Amino acid sequence: MSRLYETLSPSQQLDLAVRTKSPARLAQTFVAYVGQFYDRTDFDVLARQVSDLYAADSNEQASRFRSALDRRLSDRYHAPVAWDIAPARRNRAA
């Protein structure tokens, strides 16, 4: 028999996590799994998605998630998340 979370899409799982976990608790969970990501960029993308989900409800909660995550990453000697990224520029031949 499958578990409830196995029946949800990844985006639904993130939404459920944001609705049921405090920003500090979810940041703690993220840090526990930072080493599981082969590419740190994927981790940062996921963190930005969660921050955006918190921001849809409250900018204060999103800010709490970002600061808690960055603080916990720093405690484990990891770089903070790249929260603000510029869109990729395309080289166009003139």
Protein backbone atom coordinates (compact mmCIF):
# COMPACT_ATOMS: atom_id res chain seq x y z
CA MET A 1 0.00 0.00 0.00
CA SER A 2 1.41 3.37 -0.97
CA ARG A 3 1.78 6.24 1.44
CA LEU A 4 -0.04 9.53 0.94
CA TYR A 5 3.07 11.49 -0.03
CA GLU A 6 3.87 8.92 -2.73
CA THR A 7 0.59 9.75 -4.48
CA LEU A 8 1.38 13.48 -4.66
CA SER A 9 3.45 15.21 -7.32
CA PRO A 10 6.72 16.84 -6.18
CA SER A 11 5.14 20.30 -6.35
CA GLN A 12 2.20 19.11 -4.23
CA GLN A 13 4.63 17.59 -1.74
CA LEU A 14 6.42 20.95 -1.41
CA ASP A 15 3.12 22.76 -0.98
CA LEU A 16 2.06 20.32 1.73
CA ALA A 17 5.41 20.69 3.52
CA VAL A 18 5.09 24.49 3.52
CA ARG A 19 1.54 24.29 4.86
CA THR A 20 2.40 21.87 7.66
CA LYS A 21 5.94 22.85 8.72
CA SER A 22 7.23 26.06 10.21
CA PRO A 23 9.95 27.90 8.26
CA ALA A 24 12.56 26.99 10.89
CA ARG A 25 11.60 23.30 10.87
CA LEU A 26 11.66 23.06 7.08
CA ALA A 27 15.03 24.85 6.97
CA GLN A 28 16.35 22.29 9.44
CA THR A 29 15.11 19.45 7.22
CA PHE A 30 16.68 21.02 4.12
CA VAL A 31 20.08 21.29 5.79
CA ALA A 32 19.92 17.65 6.84
CA TYR A 33 19.75 16.68 3.15
CA VAL A 34 22.08 19.24 1.56
CA GLY A 35 24.76 16.60 1.04
CA GLN A 36 22.36 14.41 -0.93
CA PHE A 37 22.35 16.84 -3.86
CA TYR A 38 25.04 16.11 -6.43
CA ASP A 39 24.62 19.58 -7.89
CA ARG A 40 24.24 22.38 -5.36
CA THR A 41 22.33 24.39 -7.97
CA ASP A 42 19.43 21.93 -7.70
CA PHE A 43 19.36 22.42 -3.93
CA ASP A 44 19.25 26.20 -4.35
CA VAL A 45 16.43 25.94 -6.91
CA LEU A 46 14.39 23.82 -4.50
CA ALA A 47 15.05 26.25 -1.64
CA ARG A 48 13.92 29.19 -3.80
CA GLN A 49 10.72 27.29 -4.69
CA VAL A 50 9.95 26.74 -1.02
CA SER A 51 10.71 30.38 -0.25
CA ASP A 52 8.28 31.42 -2.99
CA LEU A 53 5.59 29.15 -1.53
CA TYR A 54 6.07 30.74 1.89
CA ALA A 55 6.00 34.20 0.29
CA ALA A 56 2.63 33.47 -1.32
CA ASP A 57 1.24 33.37 2.21
CA SER A 58 3.56 35.76 4.02
CA ASN A 59 6.76 37.58 3.11
CA GLU A 60 7.75 37.37 6.78
CA GLN A 61 7.60 33.56 6.72
CA ALA A 62 9.65 33.48 3.52
CA SER A 63 12.24 35.72 5.14
CA ARG A 64 12.34 33.48 8.22
CA PHE A 65 12.88 30.40 6.03
CA ARG A 66 15.71 32.05 4.08
CA SER A 67 17.53 33.35 7.15
CA ALA A 68 17.13 30.07 9.08
CA LEU A 69 18.35 28.04 6.11
CA ASP A 70 21.37 30.27 5.48
CA ARG A 71 22.28 30.27 9.19
CA ARG A 72 22.06 26.47 9.40
CA LEU A 73 24.07 26.06 6.19
CA SER A 74 26.74 28.35 7.60
CA ASP A 75 26.85 26.28 10.80
CA ARG A 76 27.68 23.25 8.66
CA TYR A 77 30.32 25.11 6.61
CA HIS A 78 28.20 25.39 3.47
CA ALA A 79 27.72 28.50 1.37
CA PRO A 80 24.36 30.29 1.69
CA VAL A 81 21.68 29.81 -0.95
CA ALA A 82 21.87 32.05 -4.03
CA TRP A 83 18.49 33.68 -3.41
CA ASP A 84 18.65 36.41 -6.03
CA ILE A 85 19.67 35.17 -9.43
CA ALA A 86 19.70 37.19 -12.61
CA PRO A 87 18.06 35.69 -15.68
CA ALA A 88 20.57 34.11 -18.04
CA ARG A 89 21.70 36.46 -20.77
CA ARG A 90 21.73 35.11 -24.27
CA ASN A 91 24.54 35.98 -26.60
CA ARG A 92 23.11 37.32 -29.81
CA ALA A 93 25.18 37.84 -32.89
CA ALA A 94 24.63 41.24 -34.46
